[in-house]
Amino acid sequence: MLRRLPPLQANLGKRLVKSPKIYLRDSGILHALLGIASLNDLAGHPVVGASWEGWVPEQIAQLIGPQWQLSFYRTASVAERGKRRIGFEIKFQRTRTH
């Protein structure tokens, strides 16, 4: 139900954050618990950014498979497999229309 995303364990000097990030793996459950019934409701809700930032790593984890380990470094999520690393930054930004 929850995904624990640990900080990157590479020897990169002192880590900025030592505690893991925790994501609810099913954003539908999160939205139901908060009474978010539609995309319009979600767009105006303060949890929209956190929901997006939890949903995307879950989708990536499903695509890359269990042989990759997910972690994070600063604001980026990182997928590691042996010596290979792929970093990606996930941000939700509302755009304003004029």
N, C-alpha and C. Protein backbone atom coordinates (compact mmCIF):
# COMPACT_ATOMS: atom_id res chain seq x y z
N MET A 1 0.82 -1.18 0.00
CA MET A 1 0.00 0.00 0.00
C MET A 1 0.87 1.27 0.00
N LEU A 2 2.01 1.20 0.67
CA LEU A 2 2.93 2.34 0.72
C LEU A 2 4.23 1.99 0.01
N ARG A 3 4.85 2.97 -0.63
CA ARG A 3 6.18 2.79 -1.20
C ARG A 3 7.15 3.64 -0.38
N ARG A 4 8.17 2.99 0.11
CA ARG A 4 9.23 3.68 0.87
C ARG A 4 10.37 3.95 -0.10
N LEU A 5 10.69 5.21 -0.31
CA LEU A 5 11.75 5.60 -1.22
C LEU A 5 12.93 6.08 -0.38
N PRO A 6 13.98 5.24 -0.25
CA PRO A 6 15.11 5.62 0.60
C PRO A 6 16.00 6.66 -0.07
N PRO A 7 16.80 7.37 0.70
CA PRO A 7 17.77 8.30 0.11
C PRO A 7 18.84 7.51 -0.65
N LEU A 8 19.41 8.12 -1.66
CA LEU A 8 20.47 7.49 -2.46
C LEU A 8 21.62 7.10 -1.55
N GLN A 9 22.10 5.88 -1.68
CA GLN A 9 23.15 5.36 -0.80
C GLN A 9 24.55 5.52 -1.39
N ALA A 10 24.69 6.22 -2.48
CA ALA A 10 26.00 6.39 -3.11
C ALA A 10 26.93 7.20 -2.23
N ASN A 11 28.20 7.06 -2.44
CA ASN A 11 29.18 7.82 -1.67
C ASN A 11 29.31 9.21 -2.29
N LEU A 12 28.34 10.04 -2.00
CA LEU A 12 28.30 11.39 -2.57
C LEU A 12 28.55 12.45 -1.50
N GLY A 13 29.24 12.07 -0.45
CA GLY A 13 29.44 13.01 0.65
C GLY A 13 28.27 12.92 1.60
N LYS A 14 28.10 13.91 2.41
CA LYS A 14 27.02 13.90 3.38
C LYS A 14 25.67 14.05 2.68
N ARG A 15 24.77 13.13 2.96
CA ARG A 15 23.44 13.22 2.37
C ARG A 15 22.67 14.36 3.00
N LEU A 16 21.87 15.03 2.20
CA LEU A 16 21.09 16.14 2.71
C LEU A 16 19.90 15.67 3.53
N VAL A 17 19.30 14.58 3.11
CA VAL A 17 18.13 14.03 3.79
C VAL A 17 18.42 12.57 4.08
N LYS A 18 18.21 12.15 5.32
CA LYS A 18 18.49 10.77 5.69
C LYS A 18 17.24 9.93 5.86
N SER A 19 16.10 10.56 5.99
CA SER A 19 14.87 9.80 6.18
C SER A 19 14.22 9.51 4.82
N PRO A 20 13.54 8.38 4.70
CA PRO A 20 12.92 8.02 3.42
C PRO A 20 11.68 8.85 3.13
N LYS A 21 11.32 8.90 1.85
CA LYS A 21 10.05 9.49 1.45
C LYS A 21 9.04 8.35 1.40
N ILE A 22 7.83 8.62 1.82
CA ILE A 22 6.77 7.61 1.82
C ILE A 22 5.66 8.09 0.89
N TYR A 23 5.26 7.20 -0.03
CA TYR A 23 4.19 7.50 -0.97
C TYR A 23 3.08 6.47 -0.83
N LEU A 24 1.85 6.91 -0.96
CA LEU A 24 0.72 6.00 -1.07
C LEU A 24 0.73 5.48 -2.49
N ARG A 25 0.83 4.16 -2.65
CA ARG A 25 1.01 3.57 -3.97
C ARG A 25 -0.22 3.71 -4.85
N ASP A 26 -1.39 3.84 -4.28
CA ASP A 26 -2.63 3.93 -5.05
C ASP A 26 -3.22 5.32 -4.87
N SER A 27 -3.04 6.18 -5.86
CA SER A 27 -3.55 7.55 -5.75
C SER A 27 -5.07 7.58 -5.70
N GLY A 28 -5.72 6.56 -6.24
CA GLY A 28 -7.18 6.49 -6.19
C GLY A 28 -7.68 6.39 -4.75
N ILE A 29 -6.98 5.62 -3.92
CA ILE A 29 -7.34 5.52 -2.50
C ILE A 29 -7.16 6.87 -1.83
N LEU A 30 -6.04 7.54 -2.11
CA LEU A 30 -5.80 8.87 -1.55
C LEU A 30 -6.92 9.83 -1.93
N HIS A 31 -7.29 9.83 -3.19
CA HIS A 31 -8.33 10.75 -3.66
C HIS A 31 -9.68 10.42 -3.03
N ALA A 32 -9.99 9.12 -2.90
CA ALA A 32 -11.25 8.73 -2.26
C ALA A 32 -11.29 9.14 -0.79
N LEU A 33 -10.19 8.95 -0.08
CA LEU A 33 -10.14 9.34 1.33
C LEU A 33 -10.31 10.84 1.51
N LEU A 34 -9.85 11.61 0.53
CA LEU A 34 -9.95 13.07 0.62
C LEU A 34 -11.22 13.62 -0.03
N GLY A 35 -12.05 12.74 -0.56
CA GLY A 35 -13.30 13.18 -1.19
C GLY A 35 -13.10 13.86 -2.52
N ILE A 36 -12.04 13.52 -3.22
CA ILE A 36 -11.76 14.09 -4.54
C ILE A 36 -12.40 13.18 -5.57
N ALA A 37 -13.46 13.67 -6.21
CA ALA A 37 -14.27 12.83 -7.11
C ALA A 37 -13.97 13.04 -8.59
N SER A 38 -13.32 14.14 -8.94
CA SER A 38 -13.10 14.41 -10.36
C SER A 38 -11.74 15.06 -10.57
N LEU A 39 -11.34 15.13 -11.83
CA LEU A 39 -10.09 15.80 -12.17
C LEU A 39 -10.14 17.28 -11.80
N ASN A 40 -11.30 17.90 -11.96
CA ASN A 40 -11.44 19.31 -11.58
C ASN A 40 -11.29 19.48 -10.07
N ASP A 41 -11.85 18.55 -9.29
CA ASP A 41 -11.68 18.59 -7.83
C ASP A 41 -10.20 18.47 -7.46
N LEU A 42 -9.50 17.55 -8.13
CA LEU A 42 -8.08 17.34 -7.85
C LEU A 42 -7.26 18.56 -8.22
N ALA A 43 -7.56 19.17 -9.36
CA ALA A 43 -6.79 20.33 -9.83
C ALA A 43 -6.82 21.48 -8.84
N GLY A 44 -7.91 21.63 -8.11
CA GLY A 44 -8.02 22.72 -7.15
C GLY A 44 -7.65 22.35 -5.73
N HIS A 45 -7.24 21.12 -5.52
CA HIS A 45 -6.95 20.63 -4.16
C HIS A 45 -5.47 20.82 -3.82
N PRO A 46 -5.14 21.16 -2.57
CA PRO A 46 -3.74 21.35 -2.19
C PRO A 46 -2.87 20.09 -2.30
N VAL A 47 -3.48 18.92 -2.37
CA VAL A 47 -2.71 17.68 -2.43
C VAL A 47 -2.31 17.30 -3.86
N VAL A 48 -2.71 18.08 -4.85
CA VAL A 48 -2.46 17.71 -6.25
C VAL A 48 -0.98 17.47 -6.53
N GLY A 49 -0.10 18.29 -6.01
CA GLY A 49 1.33 18.12 -6.26
C GLY A 49 1.87 16.86 -5.63
N ALA A 50 1.52 16.60 -4.39
CA ALA A 50 1.98 15.40 -3.70
C ALA A 50 1.40 14.15 -4.35
N SER A 51 0.16 14.23 -4.80
CA SER A 51 -0.46 13.10 -5.48
C SER A 51 0.30 12.76 -6.76
N TRP A 52 0.61 13.77 -7.55
CA TRP A 52 1.36 13.58 -8.79
C TRP A 52 2.76 13.04 -8.50
N GLU A 53 3.43 13.59 -7.51
CA GLU A 53 4.80 13.17 -7.18
C GLU A 53 4.85 11.77 -6.57
N GLY A 54 3.73 11.24 -6.14
CA GLY A 54 3.66 9.86 -5.69
C GLY A 54 3.23 8.91 -6.80
N TRP A 55 2.38 9.39 -7.70
CA TRP A 55 1.86 8.56 -8.78
C TRP A 55 2.94 8.27 -9.83
N VAL A 56 3.72 9.26 -10.19
CA VAL A 56 4.72 9.07 -11.26
C VAL A 56 5.78 8.03 -10.89
N PRO A 57 6.42 8.08 -9.70
CA PRO A 57 7.39 7.04 -9.39
C PRO A 57 6.78 5.63 -9.38
N GLU A 58 5.53 5.53 -8.99
CA GLU A 58 4.87 4.23 -9.00
C GLU A 58 4.73 3.71 -10.43
N GLN A 59 4.39 4.59 -11.36
CA GLN A 59 4.29 4.18 -12.76
C GLN A 59 5.65 3.80 -13.32
N ILE A 60 6.68 4.56 -12.96
CA ILE A 60 8.04 4.26 -13.41
C ILE A 60 8.49 2.92 -12.85
N ALA A 61 8.21 2.66 -11.58
CA ALA A 61 8.60 1.39 -10.94
C ALA A 61 7.95 0.21 -11.67
N GLN A 62 6.71 0.36 -12.08
CA GLN A 62 6.03 -0.71 -12.80
C GLN A 62 6.65 -0.94 -14.18
N LEU A 63 7.09 0.13 -14.82
CA LEU A 63 7.68 0.01 -16.15
C LEU A 63 9.09 -0.58 -16.14
N ILE A 64 9.90 -0.19 -15.18
CA ILE A 64 11.31 -0.63 -15.18
C ILE A 64 11.50 -1.98 -14.51
N GLY A 65 10.56 -2.40 -13.68
CA GLY A 65 10.63 -3.72 -13.08
C GLY A 65 11.40 -3.77 -11.77
N PRO A 66 11.32 -4.92 -11.09
CA PRO A 66 11.90 -5.04 -9.75
C PRO A 66 13.43 -5.12 -9.72
N GLN A 67 14.06 -5.31 -10.86
CA GLN A 67 15.53 -5.37 -10.86
C GLN A 67 16.17 -3.99 -10.64
N TRP A 68 15.40 -2.95 -10.74
CA TRP A 68 15.87 -1.58 -10.47
C TRP A 68 15.44 -1.18 -9.07
N GLN A 69 16.33 -0.49 -8.36
CA GLN A 69 15.99 0.02 -7.04
C GLN A 69 15.74 1.52 -7.15
N LEU A 70 14.63 1.96 -6.60
CA LEU A 70 14.29 3.39 -6.59
C LEU A 70 14.77 4.03 -5.30
N SER A 71 15.29 5.23 -5.42
CA SER A 71 15.70 6.03 -4.27
C SER A 71 15.55 7.49 -4.67
N PHE A 72 15.99 8.39 -3.80
CA PHE A 72 15.94 9.81 -4.16
C PHE A 72 17.22 10.50 -3.70
N TYR A 73 17.53 11.57 -4.40
CA TYR A 73 18.67 12.43 -4.05
C TYR A 73 18.22 13.86 -4.24
N ARG A 74 18.22 14.61 -3.17
CA ARG A 74 17.71 15.99 -3.16
C ARG A 74 16.29 16.01 -3.68
N THR A 75 16.05 16.62 -4.83
CA THR A 75 14.69 16.70 -5.36
C THR A 75 14.44 15.69 -6.48
N ALA A 76 15.42 14.86 -6.81
CA ALA A 76 15.27 13.92 -7.92
C ALA A 76 15.08 12.50 -7.41
N SER A 77 14.28 11.74 -8.12
CA SER A 77 14.18 10.31 -7.87
C SER A 77 15.23 9.63 -8.74
N VAL A 78 15.73 8.51 -8.27
CA VAL A 78 16.82 7.82 -8.96
C VAL A 78 16.48 6.34 -9.06
N ALA A 79 16.68 5.77 -10.25
CA ALA A 79 16.55 4.32 -10.44
C ALA A 79 17.96 3.78 -10.63
N GLU A 80 18.31 2.72 -9.87
CA GLU A 80 19.65 2.13 -9.94
C GLU A 80 19.56 0.65 -10.27
N ARG A 81 20.48 0.22 -11.10
CA ARG A 81 20.63 -1.20 -11.42
C ARG A 81 22.11 -1.42 -11.66
N GLY A 82 22.77 -2.04 -10.70
CA GLY A 82 24.22 -2.20 -10.79
C GLY A 82 24.88 -0.84 -10.77
N LYS A 83 25.69 -0.54 -11.77
CA LYS A 83 26.37 0.76 -11.86
C LYS A 83 25.58 1.78 -12.68
N ARG A 84 24.45 1.38 -13.21
CA ARG A 84 23.63 2.29 -14.01
C ARG A 84 22.68 3.08 -13.11
N ARG A 85 22.57 4.36 -13.40
CA ARG A 85 21.65 5.23 -12.67
C ARG A 85 20.88 6.09 -13.66
N ILE A 86 19.61 6.23 -13.39
CA ILE A 86 18.75 7.12 -14.17
C ILE A 86 18.06 8.03 -13.18
N GLY A 87 18.21 9.33 -13.36
CA GLY A 87 17.57 10.30 -12.48
C GLY A 87 16.41 10.97 -13.18
N PHE A 88 15.38 11.29 -12.43
CA PHE A 88 14.24 12.01 -12.99
C PHE A 88 13.64 12.89 -11.91
N GLU A 89 13.24 14.06 -12.32
CA GLU A 89 12.63 15.01 -11.40
C GLU A 89 11.14 15.11 -11.72
N ILE A 90 10.33 15.05 -10.70
CA ILE A 90 8.88 15.04 -10.86
C ILE A 90 8.32 16.26 -10.14
N LYS A 91 7.73 17.14 -10.89
CA LYS A 91 7.12 18.33 -10.31
C LYS A 91 5.78 18.58 -10.99
N PHE A 92 4.83 18.99 -10.21
CA PHE A 92 3.54 19.40 -10.75
C PHE A 92 3.46 20.91 -10.66
N GLN A 93 3.11 21.54 -11.77
CA GLN A 93 2.99 23.00 -11.78
C GLN A 93 1.67 23.38 -12.42
N ARG A 94 0.95 24.19 -11.73
CA ARG A 94 -0.29 24.71 -12.31
C ARG A 94 0.08 25.83 -13.28
N THR A 95 -0.54 25.80 -14.43
CA THR A 95 -0.32 26.89 -15.39
C THR A 95 -1.52 27.82 -15.32
N ARG A 96 -1.24 29.05 -15.47
CA ARG A 96 -2.30 30.06 -15.43
C ARG A 96 -2.69 30.41 -16.86
N THR A 97 -3.96 30.50 -17.09
CA THR A 97 -4.45 30.95 -18.39
C THR A 97 -4.94 32.37 -18.24
N HIS A 98 -4.66 33.15 -19.23
CA HIS A 98 -5.09 34.57 -19.18
C HIS A 98 -6.23 34.82 -20.10
